[in-house]
Amino acid sequence: MPRYLNPPNVPKPASRYSQAVAVGAAYKRLLISGQIGANASGALAQGVEAQLAQAFDNLFALLAAAGLAPTDLVRITCYATRPGSVAAFRAVREAKLGNHAPACTYLEVAGLADPGYLVEIDGEAVQEASAMR
């Protein structure tokens, strides 16, 4: 049965959705909703780089809540509202993930759920049964 995760160290969902869903035996697969550049208290980071860093931190908090690590990420998608933010995204991604290279998509969009949101990052993590912690 899936486990729906909304841990206290990430922003509460703004409507009816889960921040992450662990699917399969012992969290074999985790689907992570789009994470924004706000901390658990709802304070929005200022600037593209700061929001990217916070969104990755939120993504990592959800991984940890499911007993997974950043190296279990198999896919991430970044949505950015500022044209030309791909270099900033790549720099923050490399700083946060090091040599880990999950599948990745970067999109520039007209807007997100709130005009203050400059980026949103979603992802998927998978952990093989033999690697379960």
Protein backbone atom coordinates (compact mmCIF):
# COMPACT_ATOMS: atom_id res chain seq x y z
CA MET A 1 0.00 0.00 0.00
CA PRO A 2 1.41 3.46 -0.85
CA ARG A 3 2.60 5.71 1.96
CA TYR A 4 1.78 9.39 1.51
CA LEU A 5 4.42 11.73 2.96
CA ASN A 6 4.04 15.30 4.17
CA PRO A 7 6.80 15.61 6.80
CA PRO A 8 6.93 18.70 9.04
CA ASN A 9 10.28 19.91 7.65
CA VAL A 10 8.88 20.90 4.22
CA PRO A 11 6.08 23.34 3.35
CA LYS A 12 2.55 21.97 3.82
CA PRO A 13 0.68 21.23 0.60
CA ALA A 14 -1.32 24.22 -0.62
CA SER A 15 -4.21 21.97 -1.68
CA ARG A 16 -5.11 18.27 -1.69
CA TYR A 17 -1.88 16.50 -2.72
CA SER A 18 1.03 14.75 -1.05
CA GLN A 19 4.58 16.04 -1.15
CA ALA A 20 5.74 12.49 -1.90
CA VAL A 21 4.28 9.00 -2.32
CA ALA A 22 6.30 5.89 -1.48
CA VAL A 23 5.16 3.00 -3.69
CA GLY A 24 6.07 -0.66 -3.46
CA ALA A 25 7.59 -2.87 -0.83
CA ALA A 26 9.65 -0.92 1.70
CA TYR A 27 9.74 2.33 -0.31
CA LYS A 28 11.13 0.86 -3.47
CA ARG A 29 9.80 3.80 -5.52
CA LEU A 30 9.14 7.40 -4.43
CA LEU A 31 7.26 9.96 -6.55
CA ILE A 32 7.96 13.51 -5.40
CA SER A 33 5.65 16.45 -6.12
CA GLY A 34 7.12 19.71 -7.37
CA GLN A 35 9.16 21.44 -4.68
CA ILE A 36 9.36 25.20 -4.53
CA GLY A 37 11.98 27.54 -3.10
CA ALA A 38 10.24 28.03 0.27
CA ASN A 39 11.30 26.64 3.63
CA ALA A 40 9.07 24.75 6.09
CA SER A 41 7.76 28.01 7.57
CA GLY A 42 6.73 29.16 4.10
CA ALA A 43 9.43 31.83 3.70
CA LEU A 44 10.30 32.12 0.01
CA ALA A 45 13.99 32.36 -0.84
CA GLN A 46 15.00 35.40 -2.90
CA GLY A 47 16.43 34.89 -6.38
CA VAL A 48 16.65 31.98 -8.79
CA GLU A 49 19.76 30.36 -7.26
CA ALA A 50 18.42 30.59 -3.70
CA GLN A 51 15.06 29.14 -4.73
CA LEU A 52 16.78 26.32 -6.62
CA ALA A 53 18.90 25.48 -3.57
CA GLN A 54 15.85 25.48 -1.28
CA ALA A 55 13.82 23.37 -3.72
CA PHE A 56 16.62 20.77 -3.77
CA ASP A 57 16.78 20.86 0.05
CA ASN A 58 13.02 20.20 0.16
CA LEU A 59 13.44 17.34 -2.33
CA PHE A 60 16.19 15.86 -0.14
CA ALA A 61 14.02 16.19 2.99
CA LEU A 62 11.32 14.13 1.30
CA LEU A 63 13.86 11.51 0.26
CA ALA A 64 15.08 11.28 3.85
CA ALA A 65 11.49 10.99 5.14
CA ALA A 66 11.12 7.90 2.96
CA GLY A 67 14.48 6.44 4.03
CA LEU A 68 16.11 7.23 0.69
CA ALA A 69 19.18 9.23 -0.31
CA PRO A 70 19.85 11.79 -3.05
CA THR A 71 21.72 9.05 -4.92
CA ASP A 72 18.41 7.14 -5.17
CA LEU A 73 17.00 9.87 -7.44
CA VAL A 74 16.42 8.51 -10.92
CA ARG A 75 14.62 11.50 -12.43
CA ILE A 76 14.17 15.22 -11.78
CA THR A 77 12.30 17.90 -13.68
CA CYS A 78 12.89 21.61 -13.20
CA TYR A 79 10.37 24.26 -14.23
CA ALA A 80 11.74 27.81 -14.35
CA THR A 81 9.91 31.07 -14.99
CA ARG A 82 13.01 33.16 -15.75
CA PRO A 83 14.33 32.61 -19.26
CA GLY A 84 18.00 31.69 -19.32
CA SER A 85 18.07 30.10 -15.85
CA VAL A 86 19.44 26.80 -17.12
CA ALA A 87 23.04 27.67 -16.17
CA ALA A 88 21.98 28.46 -12.61
CA PHE A 89 19.98 25.22 -12.48
CA ARG A 90 22.93 23.17 -13.69
CA ALA A 91 25.31 24.80 -11.19
CA VAL A 92 22.99 24.23 -8.23
CA ARG A 93 22.16 20.69 -9.39
CA GLU A 94 25.86 19.81 -9.61
CA ALA A 95 26.56 21.38 -6.21
CA LYS A 96 23.70 19.43 -4.62
CA LEU A 97 24.07 16.10 -6.45
CA GLY A 98 27.82 15.95 -7.06
CA ASN A 99 28.59 13.19 -9.55
CA HIS A 100 25.12 11.63 -9.29
CA ALA A 101 23.36 12.11 -12.63
CA PRO A 102 19.67 11.16 -12.63
CA ALA A 103 17.53 11.66 -15.73
CA CYS A 104 16.72 15.34 -15.88
CA THR A 105 14.46 17.72 -17.74
CA TYR A 106 14.65 21.51 -17.60
CA LEU A 107 11.68 23.56 -18.83
CA GLU A 108 11.06 27.29 -19.05
CA VAL A 109 7.41 28.06 -18.38
CA ALA A 110 5.24 31.18 -18.34
CA GLY A 111 4.37 30.81 -14.67
CA LEU A 112 3.89 28.59 -11.65
CA ALA A 113 1.18 28.42 -8.95
CA ASP A 114 2.32 31.73 -7.39
CA PRO A 115 4.01 34.66 -9.17
CA GLY A 116 6.80 34.62 -6.57
CA TYR A 117 7.80 31.06 -7.43
CA LEU A 118 10.72 31.22 -9.84
CA VAL A 119 11.39 27.47 -9.95
CA GLU A 120 9.81 24.14 -9.08
CA ILE A 121 11.57 20.76 -9.05
CA ASP A 122 9.90 17.34 -8.97
CA GLY A 123 11.46 13.91 -9.04
CA GLU A 124 11.37 10.18 -8.69
CA ALA A 125 13.59 7.94 -6.62
CA VAL A 126 14.05 4.18 -6.75
CA GLN A 127 15.97 1.91 -4.45
CA GLU A 128 16.65 -1.69 -5.39
CA ALA A 129 15.51 -4.24 -2.82
CA SER A 130 19.11 -5.38 -2.25
CA ALA A 131 20.09 -1.81 -1.27
CA MET A 132 17.25 -1.25 1.20
CA ARG A 133 18.32 0.52 4.36
